[in-house]
PDB file of N, CA and C in Angstrom:
ATOM      1  N   MET A   1     187.280 -76.774  92.668  1.00  0.00           N
ATOM      2  CA  MET A   1     186.821 -76.113  91.462  1.00  0.00           C
ATOM      3  C   MET A   1     187.195 -74.633  91.565  1.00  0.00           C
ATOM      4  N   THR A   2     187.779 -74.122  90.530  1.00  0.00           N
ATOM      5  CA  THR A   2     188.184 -72.719  90.530  1.00  0.00           C
ATOM      6  C   THR A   2     186.980 -71.820  90.237  1.00  0.00           C
ATOM      7  N   PRO A   3     187.048 -70.566  90.649  1.00  0.00           N
ATOM      8  CA  PRO A   3     185.964 -69.632  90.331  1.00  0.00           C
ATOM      9  C   PRO A   3     185.754 -69.479  88.816  1.00  0.00           C
ATOM     10  N   ASP A   4     186.850 -69.514  88.036  1.00  0.00           N
ATOM     11  CA  ASP A   4     186.719 -69.402  86.579  1.00  0.00           C
ATOM     12  C   ASP A   4     185.971 -70.599  86.002  1.00  0.00           C
ATOM     13  N   PHE A   5     186.273 -71.792  86.509  1.00  0.00           N
ATOM     14  CA  PHE A   5     185.592 -72.990  86.031  1.00  0.00           C
ATOM     15  C   PHE A   5     184.107 -72.915  86.372  1.00  0.00           C
ATOM     16  N   LEU A   6     183.780 -72.492  87.584  1.00  0.00           N
ATOM     17  CA  LEU A   6     182.378 -72.372  88.002  1.00  0.00           C
ATOM     18  C   LEU A   6     181.647 -71.337  87.147  1.00  0.00           C
ATOM     19  N   ARG A   7     182.293 -70.226  86.837  1.00  0.00           N
ATOM     20  CA  ARG A   7     181.674 -69.219  85.956  1.00  0.00           C
ATOM     21  C   ARG A   7     181.414 -69.811  84.573  1.00  0.00           C
ATOM     22  N   TRP A   8     182.382 -70.557  84.055  1.00  0.00           N
ATOM     23  CA  TRP A   8     182.226 -71.201  82.743  1.00  0.00           C
ATOM     24  C   TRP A   8     181.047 -72.173  82.762  1.00  0.00           C
ATOM     25  N   LEU A   9     180.986 -73.010  83.801  1.00  0.00           N
ATOM     26  CA  LEU A   9     179.905 -73.989  83.916  1.00  0.00           C
ATOM     27  C   LEU A   9     178.549 -73.306  84.069  1.00  0.00           C
ATOM     28  N   THR A  10     178.482 -72.278  84.882  1.00  0.00           N
ATOM     29  CA  THR A  10     177.232 -71.542  85.068  1.00  0.00           C
ATOM     30  C   THR A  10     176.772 -70.924  83.749  1.00  0.00           C
ATOM     31  N   GLY A  11     177.717 -70.436  82.965  1.00  0.00           N
ATOM     32  CA  GLY A  11     177.387 -69.898  81.644  1.00  0.00           C
ATOM     33  C   GLY A  11     176.809 -70.966  80.731  1.00  0.00           C
ATOM     34  N   LEU A  12     177.378 -72.173  80.781  1.00  0.00           N
ATOM     35  CA  LEU A  12     176.853 -73.282  79.985  1.00  0.00           C
ATOM     36  C   LEU A  12     175.418 -73.612  80.398  1.00  0.00           C
ATOM     37  N   ILE A  13     175.192 -73.642  81.695  1.00  0.00           N
ATOM     38  CA  ILE A  13     173.857 -73.960  82.219  1.00  0.00           C
ATOM     39  C   ILE A  13     172.855 -72.902  81.764  1.00  0.00           C
ATOM     40  N   GLU A  14     173.238 -71.643  81.873  1.00  0.00           N
ATOM     41  CA  GLU A  14     172.342 -70.555  81.465  1.00  0.00           C
ATOM     42  C   GLU A  14     172.056 -70.607  79.969  1.00  0.00           C
ATOM     43  N   ALA A  15     173.047 -71.038  79.178  1.00  0.00           N
ATOM     44  CA  ALA A  15     172.867 -71.141  77.732  1.00  0.00           C
ATOM     45  C   ALA A  15     172.077 -72.394  77.343  1.00  0.00           C
ATOM     46  N   GLY A  16     171.896 -73.307  78.296  1.00  0.00           N
ATOM     47  CA  GLY A  16     171.132 -74.521  78.026  1.00  0.00           C
ATOM     48  C   GLY A  16     171.911 -75.602  77.296  1.00  0.00           C
ATOM     49  N   ASP A  17     173.231 -75.538  77.344  1.00  0.00           N
ATOM     50  CA  ASP A  17     174.060 -76.539  76.668  1.00  0.00           C
ATOM     51  C   ASP A  17     175.204 -76.956  77.581  1.00  0.00           C
ATOM     52  N   VAL A  18     175.007 -78.039  78.333  1.00  0.00           N
ATOM     53  CA  VAL A  18     176.038 -78.499  79.270  1.00  0.00           C
ATOM     54  C   VAL A  18     176.958 -79.564  78.661  1.00  0.00           C
ATOM     55  N   HIS A  19     176.750 -79.912  77.410  1.00  0.00           N
ATOM     56  CA  HIS A  19     177.592 -80.922  76.768  1.00  0.00           C
ATOM     57  C   HIS A  19     179.093 -80.625  76.891  1.00  0.00           C
ATOM     58  N   PRO A  20     179.543 -79.377  76.693  1.00  0.00           N
ATOM     59  CA  PRO A  20     180.976 -79.116  76.843  1.00  0.00           C
ATOM     60  C   PRO A  20     181.531 -79.512  78.218  1.00  0.00           C
ATOM     61  N   PHE A  21     180.710 -79.415  79.255  1.00  0.00           N
ATOM     62  CA  PHE A  21     181.157 -79.849  80.583  1.00  0.00           C
ATOM     63  C   PHE A  21     181.444 -81.346  80.591  1.00  0.00           C
ATOM     64  N   TYR A  22     180.541 -82.131  79.991  1.00  0.00           N
ATOM     65  CA  TYR A  22     180.674 -83.583  80.033  1.00  0.00           C
ATOM     66  C   TYR A  22     181.797 -84.134  79.156  1.00  0.00           C
ATOM     67  N   VAL A  23     182.442 -83.280  78.391  1.00  0.00           N
ATOM     68  CA  VAL A  23     183.605 -83.726  77.612  1.00  0.00           C
ATOM     69  C   VAL A  23     184.881 -82.990  78.023  1.00  0.00           C
ATOM     70  N   CYS A  24     184.802 -82.179  79.067  1.00  0.00           N
ATOM     71  CA  CYS A  24     185.998 -81.455  79.512  1.00  0.00           C
ATOM     72  C   CYS A  24     186.901 -82.384  80.324  1.00  0.00           C
ATOM     73  N   ARG A  25     188.172 -82.033  80.374  1.00  0.00           N
ATOM     74  CA  ARG A  25     189.192 -82.838  81.055  1.00  0.00           C
ATOM     75  C   ARG A  25     188.846 -83.073  82.536  1.00  0.00           C
ATOM     76  N   GLU A  26     188.391 -82.035  83.224  1.00  0.00           N
ATOM     77  CA  GLU A  26     188.102 -82.149  84.660  1.00  0.00           C
ATOM     78  C   GLU A  26     187.015 -83.191  84.924  1.00  0.00           C
ATOM     79  N   TRP A  27     185.915 -83.134  84.123  1.00  0.00           N
ATOM     80  CA  TRP A  27     184.837 -84.107  84.318  1.00  0.00           C
ATOM     81  C   TRP A  27     185.298 -85.517  83.967  1.00  0.00           C
ATOM     82  N   LEU A  28     186.009 -85.663  82.871  1.00  0.00           N
ATOM     83  CA  LEU A  28     186.476 -86.988  82.465  1.00  0.00           C
ATOM     84  C   LEU A  28     187.371 -87.606  83.532  1.00  0.00           C
ATOM     85  N   GLN A  29     188.201 -86.800  84.165  1.00  0.00           N
ATOM     86  CA  GLN A  29     189.074 -87.312  85.221  1.00  0.00           C
ATOM     87  C   GLN A  29     188.281 -87.729  86.460  1.00  0.00           C
ATOM     88  N   VAL A  30     187.369 -86.881  86.914  1.00  0.00           N
ATOM     89  CA  VAL A  30     186.621 -87.220  88.135  1.00  0.00           C
ATOM     90  C   VAL A  30     185.652 -88.374  87.880  1.00  0.00           C
ATOM     91  N   SER A  31     185.037 -88.431  86.714  1.00  0.00           N
ATOM     92  CA  SER A  31     184.109 -89.537  86.444  1.00  0.00           C
ATOM     93  C   SER A  31     184.877 -90.865  86.355  1.00  0.00           C
ATOM     94  N   GLN A  32     186.078 -90.823  85.800  1.00  0.00           N
ATOM     95  CA  GLN A  32     186.911 -92.032  85.761  1.00  0.00           C
ATOM     96  C   GLN A  32     187.289 -92.462  87.183  1.00  0.00           C
ATOM     97  N   GLN A  33     187.586 -91.498  88.035  1.00  0.00           N
ATOM     98  CA  GLN A  33     187.916 -91.791  89.431  1.00  0.00           C
ATOM     99  C   GLN A  33     186.722 -92.438  90.148  1.00  0.00           C
ATOM    100  N   VAL A  34     185.522 -91.930  89.911  1.00  0.00           N
ATOM    101  CA  VAL A  34     184.311 -92.471  90.533  1.00  0.00           C
ATOM    102  C   VAL A  34     184.070 -93.907  90.067  1.00  0.00           C
ATOM    103  N   ARG A  35     184.172 -94.139  88.769  1.00  0.00           N
ATOM    104  CA  ARG A  35     183.949 -95.496  88.240  1.00  0.00           C
ATOM    105  C   ARG A  35     184.992 -96.466  88.781  1.00  0.00           C
ATOM    106  N   ARG A  36     186.218 -96.018  88.902  1.00  0.00           N
ATOM    107  CA  ARG A  36     187.268 -96.877  89.468  1.00  0.00           C
ATOM    108  C   ARG A  36     186.963 -97.169  90.944  1.00  0.00           C
ATOM    109  N   MET A  37     186.532 -96.143  91.666  1.00  0.00           N
ATOM    110  CA  MET A  37     186.186 -96.294  93.082  1.00  0.00           C
ATOM    111  C   MET A  37     185.038 -97.294  93.262  1.00  0.00           C
ATOM    112  N   ASP A  38     184.073 -97.270  92.321  1.00  0.00           N
ATOM    113  CA  ASP A  38     182.904 -98.157  92.383  1.00  0.00           C
ATOM    114  C   ASP A  38     183.135 -99.471  91.638  1.00  0.00           C
ATOM    115  N   ARG A  39     184.350 -99.688  91.179  1.00  0.00           N
ATOM    116  CA  ARG A  39     184.725-100.899  90.444  1.00  0.00           C
ATOM    117  C   ARG A  39     183.846-101.142  89.219  1.00  0.00           C
ATOM    118  N   ASP A  40     183.455-100.055  88.573  1.00  0.00           N
ATOM    119  CA  ASP A  40     182.618-100.101  87.376  1.00  0.00           C
ATOM    120  C   ASP A  40     181.318-100.871  87.584  1.00  0.00           C
ATOM    121  N   GLU A  41     180.801-100.818  88.800  1.00  0.00           N
ATOM    122  CA  GLU A  41     179.527-101.480  89.117  1.00  0.00           C
ATOM    123  C   GLU A  41     178.446-100.426  89.322  1.00  0.00           C
ATOM    124  N   CYS A  42     177.273-100.674  88.781  1.00  0.00           N
ATOM    125  CA  CYS A  42     176.133 -99.793  89.016  1.00  0.00           C
ATOM    126  C   CYS A  42     175.793 -99.857  90.505  1.00  0.00           C
ATOM    127  N   GLN A  43     175.840 -98.732  91.165  1.00  0.00           N
ATOM    128  CA  GLN A  43     175.607 -98.692  92.602  1.00  0.00           C
ATOM    129  C   GLN A  43     174.138 -98.897  92.966  1.00  0.00           C
ATOM    130  N   ILE A  44     173.240 -98.573  92.073  1.00  0.00           N
ATOM    131  CA  ILE A  44     171.807 -98.794  92.330  1.00  0.00           C
ATOM    132  C   ILE A  44     171.493-100.280  92.211  1.00  0.00           C
ATOM    133  N   CYS A  45     171.985-100.919  91.153  1.00  0.00           N
ATOM    134  CA  CYS A  45     171.798-102.367  91.006  1.00  0.00           C
ATOM    135  C   CYS A  45     172.449-103.096  92.178  1.00  0.00           C
ATOM    136  N   LYS A  46     173.639-102.674  92.548  1.00  0.00           N
ATOM    137  CA  LYS A  46     174.371-103.311  93.645  1.00  0.00           C
ATOM    138  C   LYS A  46     173.567-103.247  94.948  1.00  0.00           C
ATOM    139  N   ALA A  47     172.923-102.112  95.199  1.00  0.00           N
ATOM    140  CA  ALA A  47     172.096-101.961  96.399  1.00  0.00           C
ATOM    141  C   ALA A  47     170.897-102.900  96.371  1.00  0.00           C
ATOM    142  N   ARG A  48     170.504-103.333  95.178  1.00  0.00           N
ATOM    143  CA  ARG A  48     169.375-104.260  95.008  1.00  0.00           C
ATOM    144  C   ARG A  48     169.837-105.715  94.922  1.00  0.00           C
ATOM    145  N   GLY A  49     171.134-105.942  95.122  1.00  0.00           N
ATOM    146  CA  GLY A  49     171.647-107.310  95.150  1.00  0.00           C
ATOM    147  C   GLY A  49     171.932-107.922  93.795  1.00  0.00           C
ATOM    148  N   ARG A  50     172.107-107.092  92.773  1.00  0.00           N
ATOM    149  CA  ARG A  50     172.449-107.650  91.467  1.00  0.00           C
ATOM    150  C   ARG A  50     173.632-106.882  90.881  1.00  0.00           C
ATOM    151  N   TYR A  51     174.226-107.454  89.865  1.00  0.00           N
ATOM    152  CA  TYR A  51     175.381-106.821  89.235  1.00  0.00           C
ATOM    153  C   TYR A  51     175.036-106.356  87.832  1.00  0.00           C
ATOM    154  N   ARG A  52     175.433-105.132  87.535  1.00  0.00           N
ATOM    155  CA  ARG A  52     175.366-104.615  86.173  1.00  0.00           C
ATOM    156  C   ARG A  52     176.520-103.622  86.028  1.00  0.00           C
ATOM    157  N   ARG A  53     177.173-103.675  84.900  1.00  0.00           N
ATOM    158  CA  ARG A  53     178.309-102.795  84.644  1.00  0.00           C
ATOM    159  C   ARG A  53     177.832-101.341  84.542  1.00  0.00           C
ATOM    160  N   ALA A  54     178.550-100.440  85.192  1.00  0.00           N
ATOM    161  CA  ALA A  54     178.235 -99.012  85.128  1.00  0.00           C
ATOM    162  C   ALA A  54     178.703 -98.444  83.796  1.00  0.00           C
ATOM    163  N   GLU A  55     177.896 -97.575  83.242  1.00  0.00           N
ATOM    164  CA  GLU A  55     178.234 -96.910  81.986  1.00  0.00           C
ATOM    165  C   GLU A  55     178.358 -95.403  82.151  1.00  0.00           C
ATOM    166  N   LEU A  56     177.749 -94.867  83.203  1.00  0.00           N
ATOM    167  CA  LEU A  56     177.674 -93.423  83.406  1.00  0.00           C
ATOM    168  C   LEU A  56     177.979 -93.067  84.850  1.00  0.00           C
ATOM    169  N   VAL A  57     178.247 -91.796  85.071  1.00  0.00           N
ATOM    170  CA  VAL A  57     178.363 -91.277  86.438  1.00  0.00           C
ATOM    171  C   VAL A  57     177.253 -90.249  86.605  1.00  0.00           C
ATOM    172  N   HIS A  58     176.449 -90.449  87.632  1.00  0.00           N
ATOM    173  CA  HIS A  58     175.259 -89.622  87.879  1.00  0.00           C
ATOM    174  C   HIS A  58     175.517 -88.614  88.993  1.00  0.00           C
ATOM    175  N   HIS A  59     175.043 -87.376  88.784  1.00  0.00           N
ATOM    176  CA  HIS A  59     175.070 -86.343  89.829  1.00  0.00           C
ATOM    177  C   HIS A  59     173.825 -86.501  90.700  1.00  0.00           C
ATOM    178  N   VAL A  60     173.989 -86.811  91.967  1.00  0.00           N
ATOM    179  CA  VAL A  60     172.855 -86.865  92.894  1.00  0.00           C
ATOM    180  C   VAL A  60     172.279 -85.457  93.042  1.00  0.00           C
ATOM    181  N   ASN A  61     173.157 -84.476  93.259  1.00  0.00           N
ATOM    182  CA  ASN A  61     172.759 -83.069  93.250  1.00  0.00           C
ATOM    183  C   ASN A  61     172.917 -82.609  91.807  1.00  0.00           C
ATOM    184  N   HIS A  62     171.816 -82.497  91.123  1.00  0.00           N
ATOM    185  CA  HIS A  62     171.831 -82.267  89.685  1.00  0.00           C
ATOM    186  C   HIS A  62     172.677 -81.056  89.304  1.00  0.00           C
ATOM    187  N   LEU A  63     173.376 -81.207  88.228  1.00  0.00           N
ATOM    188  CA  LEU A  63     174.310 -80.202  87.732  1.00  0.00           C
ATOM    189  C   LEU A  63     173.675 -78.826  87.629  1.00  0.00           C
ATOM    190  N   ARG A  64     172.485 -78.758  87.087  1.00  0.00           N
ATOM    191  CA  ARG A  64     171.826 -77.460  86.884  1.00  0.00           C
ATOM    192  C   ARG A  64     171.420 -76.793  88.193  1.00  0.00           C
ATOM    193  N   ARG A  65     171.125 -77.580  89.219  1.00  0.00           N
ATOM    194  CA  ARG A  65     170.708 -77.016  90.504  1.00  0.00           C
ATOM    195  C   ARG A  65     171.880 -76.756  91.439  1.00  0.00           C
ATOM    196  N   ALA A  66     172.987 -77.492  91.258  1.00  0.00           N
ATOM    197  CA  ALA A  66     174.125 -77.352  92.169  1.00  0.00           C
ATOM    198  C   ALA A  66     175.442 -77.382  91.396  1.00  0.00           C
ATOM    199  N   PRO A  67     175.680 -76.383  90.555  1.00  0.00           N
ATOM    200  CA  PRO A  67     176.901 -76.402  89.745  1.00  0.00           C
ATOM    201  C   PRO A  67     178.185 -76.398  90.563  1.00  0.00           C
ATOM    202  N   ALA A  68     178.154 -75.833  91.760  1.00  0.00           N
ATOM    203  CA  ALA A  68     179.360 -75.801  92.593  1.00  0.00           C
ATOM    204  C   ALA A  68     179.789 -77.204  93.027  1.00  0.00           C
ATOM    205  N   LEU A  69     178.877 -78.175  92.975  1.00  0.00           N
ATOM    206  CA  LEU A  69     179.198 -79.557  93.360  1.00  0.00           C
ATOM    207  C   LEU A  69     179.499 -80.444  92.158  1.00  0.00           C
ATOM    208  N   ALA A  70     179.595 -79.859  90.985  1.00  0.00           N
ATOM    209  CA  ALA A  70     179.717 -80.627  89.744  1.00  0.00           C
ATOM    210  C   ALA A  70     180.870 -81.616  89.738  1.00  0.00           C
ATOM    211  N   LEU A  71     181.966 -81.301  90.399  1.00  0.00           N
ATOM    212  CA  LEU A  71     183.144 -82.174  90.392  1.00  0.00           C
ATOM    213  C   LEU A  71     183.399 -82.816  91.752  1.00  0.00           C
ATOM    214  N   ASP A  72     182.450 -82.698  92.681  1.00  0.00           N
ATOM    215  CA  ASP A  72     182.618 -83.240  94.038  1.00  0.00           C
ATOM    216  C   ASP A  72     182.012 -84.630  94.156  1.00  0.00           C
ATOM    217  N   ILE A  73     182.822 -85.586  94.545  1.00  0.00           N
ATOM    218  CA  ILE A  73     182.335 -86.959  94.740  1.00  0.00           C
ATOM    219  C   ILE A  73     181.447 -87.027  95.977  1.00  0.00           C
ATOM    220  N   TRP A  74     181.771 -86.260  96.988  1.00  0.00           N
ATOM    221  CA  TRP A  74     181.039 -86.262  98.253  1.00  0.00           C
ATOM    222  C   TRP A  74     180.474 -84.871  98.526  1.00  0.00           C
ATOM    223  N   TYR A  75     179.417 -84.809  99.331  1.00  0.00           N
ATOM    224  CA  TYR A  75     178.882 -83.541  99.809  1.00  0.00           C
ATOM    225  C   TYR A  75     178.335 -83.768 101.215  1.00  0.00           C
ATOM    226  N   THR A  76     178.085 -82.701 101.935  1.00  0.00           N
ATOM    227  CA  THR A  76     177.504 -82.781 103.272  1.00  0.00           C
ATOM    228  C   THR A  76     176.052 -82.353 103.176  1.00  0.00           C
ATOM    229  N   ASP A  77     175.137 -83.231 103.617  1.00  0.00           N
ATOM    230  CA  ASP A  77     173.704 -82.911 103.508  1.00  0.00           C
ATOM    231  C   ASP A  77     173.285 -81.938 104.604  1.00  0.00           C
ATOM    232  N   GLY A  78     172.018 -81.591 104.622  1.00  0.00           N
ATOM    233  CA  GLY A  78     171.487 -80.624 105.575  1.00  0.00           C
ATOM    234  C   GLY A  78     171.596 -81.044 107.027  1.00  0.00           C
ATOM    235  N   GLU A  79     171.757 -82.345 107.258  1.00  0.00           N
ATOM    236  CA  GLU A  79     171.890 -82.851 108.623  1.00  0.00           C
ATOM    237  C   GLU A  79     173.352 -83.061 109.021  1.00  0.00           C
ATOM    238  N   GLY A  80     174.261 -82.613 108.156  1.00  0.00           N
ATOM    239  CA  GLY A  80     175.683 -82.725 108.456  1.00  0.00           C
ATOM    240  C   GLY A  80     176.291 -84.079 108.134  1.00  0.00           C
ATOM    241  N   GLN A  81     175.540 -84.922 107.410  1.00  0.00           N
ATOM    242  CA  GLN A  81     176.028 -86.254 107.059  1.00  0.00           C
ATOM    243  C   GLN A  81     176.740 -86.223 105.705  1.00  0.00           C
ATOM    244  N   ARG A  82     177.841 -86.948 105.612  1.00  0.00           N
ATOM    245  CA  ARG A  82     178.586 -87.039 104.356  1.00  0.00           C
ATOM    246  C   ARG A  82     177.858 -88.022 103.432  1.00  0.00           C
ATOM    247  N   GLN A  83     177.555 -87.564 102.211  1.00  0.00           N
ATOM    248  CA  GLN A  83     176.811 -88.366 101.246  1.00  0.00           C
ATOM    249  C   GLN A  83     177.547 -88.369  99.914  1.00  0.00           C
ATOM    250  N   ARG A  84     177.257 -89.376  99.099  1.00  0.00           N
ATOM    251  CA  ARG A  84     177.813 -89.428  97.751  1.00  0.00           C
ATOM    252  C   ARG A  84     177.076 -88.453  96.843  1.00  0.00           C
ATOM    253  N   ASN A  85     177.819 -87.698  96.072  1.00  0.00           N
ATOM    254  CA  ASN A  85     177.236 -86.813  95.079  1.00  0.00           C
ATOM    255  C   ASN A  85     177.344 -87.412  93.681  1.00  0.00           C
ATOM    256  N   LEU A  86     178.376 -88.220  93.449  1.00  0.00           N
ATOM    257  CA  LEU A  86     178.573 -88.846  92.154  1.00  0.00           C
ATOM    258  C   LEU A  86     178.527 -90.352  92.313  1.00  0.00           C
ATOM    259  N   LEU A  87     177.689 -91.015  91.516  1.00  0.00           N
ATOM    260  CA  LEU A  87     177.516 -92.467  91.584  1.00  0.00           C
ATOM    261  C   LEU A  87     177.688 -93.088  90.212  1.00  0.00           C
ATOM    262  N   SER A  88     178.337 -94.228  90.173  1.00  0.00           N
ATOM    263  CA  SER A  88     178.421 -95.006  88.933  1.00  0.00           C
ATOM    264  C   SER A  88     177.098 -95.741  88.764  1.00  0.00           C
ATOM    265  N   VAL A  89     176.513 -95.622  87.576  1.00  0.00           N
ATOM    266  CA  VAL A  89     175.224 -96.267  87.315  1.00  0.00           C
ATOM    267  C   VAL A  89     175.186 -96.847  85.907  1.00  0.00           C
ATOM    268  N   CYS A  90     174.341 -97.840  85.722  1.00  0.00           N
ATOM    269  CA  CYS A  90     174.111 -98.377  84.377  1.00  0.00           C
ATOM    270  C   CYS A  90     173.126 -97.450  83.666  1.00  0.00           C
ATOM    271  N   ARG A  91     173.029 -97.580  82.375  1.00  0.00           N
ATOM    272  CA  ARG A  91     172.146 -96.715  81.590  1.00  0.00           C
ATOM    273  C   ARG A  91     170.675 -96.910  82.002  1.00  0.00           C
ATOM    274  N   ALA A  92     170.268 -98.147  82.258  1.00  0.00           N
ATOM    275  CA  ALA A  92     168.869 -98.414  82.626  1.00  0.00           C
ATOM    276  C   ALA A  92     168.502 -97.706  83.927  1.00  0.00           C
ATOM    277  N   CYS A  93     169.350 -97.810  84.939  1.00  0.00           N
ATOM    278  CA  CYS A  93     169.070 -97.139  86.211  1.00  0.00           C
ATOM    279  C   CYS A  93     169.131 -95.629  86.058  1.00  0.00           C
ATOM    280  N   HIS A  94     170.035 -95.143  85.236  1.00  0.00           N
ATOM    281  CA  HIS A  94     170.139 -93.699  85.042  1.00  0.00           C
ATOM    282  C   HIS A  94     168.837 -93.142  84.485  1.00  0.00           C
ATOM    283  N   GLU A  95     168.239 -93.851  83.557  1.00  0.00           N
ATOM    284  CA  GLU A  95     167.002 -93.357  82.954  1.00  0.00           C
ATOM    285  C   GLU A  95     165.772 -93.629  83.817  1.00  0.00           C
ATOM    286  N   THR A  96     165.677 -94.803  84.434  1.00  0.00           N
ATOM    287  CA  THR A  96     164.454 -95.167  85.154  1.00  0.00           C
ATOM    288  C   THR A  96     164.454 -94.740  86.618  1.00  0.00           C
ATOM    289  N   VAL A  97     165.612 -94.756  87.272  1.00  0.00           N
ATOM    290  CA  VAL A  97     165.673 -94.416  88.696  1.00  0.00           C
ATOM    291  C   VAL A  97     166.115 -92.968  88.899  1.00  0.00           C
ATOM    292  N   CYS A  98     167.182 -92.578  88.227  1.00  0.00           N
ATOM    293  CA  CYS A  98     167.744 -91.237  88.426  1.00  0.00           C
ATOM    294  C   CYS A  98     166.914 -90.147  87.742  1.00  0.00           C
ATOM    295  N   HIS A  99     166.388 -90.442  86.560  1.00  0.00           N
ATOM    296  CA  HIS A  99     165.625 -89.452  85.790  1.00  0.00           C
ATOM    297  C   HIS A  99     164.296 -90.033  85.295  1.00  0.00           C
ATOM    298  N   PRO A 100     163.405 -90.433  86.206  1.00  0.00           N
ATOM    299  CA  PRO A 100     162.156 -91.077  85.777  1.00  0.00           C
ATOM    300  C   PRO A 100     161.257 -90.160  84.947  1.00  0.00           C
ATOM    301  N   ARG A 101     161.354 -88.851  85.115  1.00  0.00           N
ATOM    302  CA  ARG A 101     160.503 -87.934  84.340  1.00  0.00           C
ATOM    303  C   ARG A 101     160.804 -88.017  82.851  1.00  0.00           C
ATOM    304  N   ARG A 102     162.050 -88.339  82.522  1.00  0.00           N
ATOM    305  CA  ARG A 102     162.401 -88.477  81.107  1.00  0.00           C
ATOM    306  C   ARG A 102     161.574 -89.589  80.458  1.00  0.00           C
ATOM    307  N   MET A 103     161.344 -90.650  81.211  1.00  0.00           N
ATOM    308  CA  MET A 103     160.593 -91.784  80.683  1.00  0.00           C
ATOM    309  C   MET A 103     159.114 -91.416  80.517  1.00  0.00           C
ATOM    310  N   GLN A 104     158.590 -90.597  81.419  1.00  0.00           N
ATOM    311  CA  GLN A 104     157.185 -90.208  81.351  1.00  0.00           C
ATOM    312  C   GLN A 104     156.918 -89.262  80.195  1.00  0.00           C
ATOM    313  N   SER A 105     157.882 -88.409  79.896  1.00  0.00           N
ATOM    314  CA  SER A 105     157.645 -87.404  78.863  1.00  0.00           C
ATOM    315  C   SER A 105     157.990 -87.895  77.462  1.00  0.00           C
ATOM    316  N   ALA A 106     158.474 -89.125  77.350  1.00  0.00           N
ATOM    317  CA  ALA A 106     158.798 -89.649  76.021  1.00  0.00           C
ATOM    318  C   ALA A 106     157.514 -89.827  75.228  1.00  0.00           C
ATOM    319  N   PRO A 107     157.472 -89.291  74.009  1.00  0.00           N
ATOM    320  CA  PRO A 107     156.239 -89.425  73.218  1.00  0.00           C
ATOM    321  C   PRO A 107     156.002 -90.876  72.827  1.00  0.00           C
ATOM    322  N   ALA A 108     154.746 -91.252  72.797  1.00  0.00           N
ATOM    323  CA  ALA A 108     154.390 -92.615  72.402  1.00  0.00           C
ATOM    324  C   ALA A 108     154.717 -92.803  70.933  1.00  0.00           C
ATOM    325  N   LYS A 109     155.291 -93.950  70.617  1.00  0.00           N
ATOM    326  CA  LYS A 109     155.619 -94.235  69.221  1.00  0.00           C
ATOM    327  C   LYS A 109     154.381 -94.750  68.510  1.00  0.00           C
ATOM    328  N   LEU A 110     154.137 -94.190  67.346  1.00  0.00           N
ATOM    329  CA  LEU A 110     153.000 -94.630  66.545  1.00  0.00           C
ATOM    330  C   LEU A 110     153.381 -95.908  65.802  1.00  0.00           C
ATOM    331  N   PRO A 111     152.432 -96.815  65.590  1.00  0.00           N
ATOM    332  CA  PRO A 111     152.740 -98.032  64.847  1.00  0.00           C
ATOM    333  C   PRO A 111     153.125 -97.702  63.405  1.00  0.00           C
ATOM    334  N   VAL A 112     153.952 -98.551  62.820  1.00  0.00           N
ATOM    335  CA  VAL A 112     154.388 -98.342  61.443  1.00  0.00           C
ATOM    336  C   VAL A 112     153.202 -98.395  60.492  1.00  0.00           C
ATOM    337  N   THR A 113     152.285 -99.338  60.728  1.00  0.00           N
ATOM    338  CA  THR A 113     151.067 -99.440  59.918  1.00  0.00           C
ATOM    339  C   THR A 113     149.866 -99.377  60.854  1.00  0.00           C
ATOM    340  N   PRO A 114     148.801 -98.726  60.417  1.00  0.00           N
ATOM    341  CA  PRO A 114     147.613 -98.650  61.285  1.00  0.00           C
ATOM    342  C   PRO A 114     146.968-100.032  61.430  1.00  0.00           C
ATOM    343  N   GLU A 115     146.421-100.261  62.614  1.00  0.00           N
ATOM    344  CA  GLU A 115     145.734-101.527  62.853  1.00  0.00           C
ATOM    345  C   GLU A 115     144.371-101.493  62.159  1.00  0.00           C
ATOM    346  N   ARG A 116     144.054-102.560  61.476  1.00  0.00           N
ATOM    347  CA  ARG A 116     142.771-102.639  60.755  1.00  0.00           C
ATOM    348  C   ARG A 116     142.099-103.969  61.073  1.00  0.00           C
ATOM    349  N   TRP A 117     140.786-103.909  61.183  1.00  0.00           N
ATOM    350  CA  TRP A 117     139.990-105.107  61.502  1.00  0.00           C
ATOM    351  C   TRP A 117     138.892-105.309  60.454  1.00  0.00           C
ATOM    352  N   ASP A 118     139.190-105.223  59.154  1.00  0.00           N
ATOM    353  CA  ASP A 118     138.145-105.422  58.164  1.00  0.00           C
ATOM    354  C   ASP A 118     138.260-106.744  57.467  1.00  0.00           C
TER     355      ASP A 118
END
């Protein structure tokens, strides 16, 4: 990643709009590489012994907290071990496993008609 690209990405993060990153050429290329590497299989489902087609690529080190790793498939953890930073995942795992807080903060849907017992 070039210093100019990192400055651009950091600016997006500070502005609160990272969508341009997810449609840029660099991200599209690396995410395609990750999905090809994972054979378009959700890696979380695969670890649980089931198959589901991957739809997304997830940042283990979240983009907002580690922008310098945004395009890195691998990273070295605090113990010096090589770990995956980008994983192919299905939409269900992305929402429930990768970002469980999103599910908790979703507002409850009100019924279309109020329940009545008269």
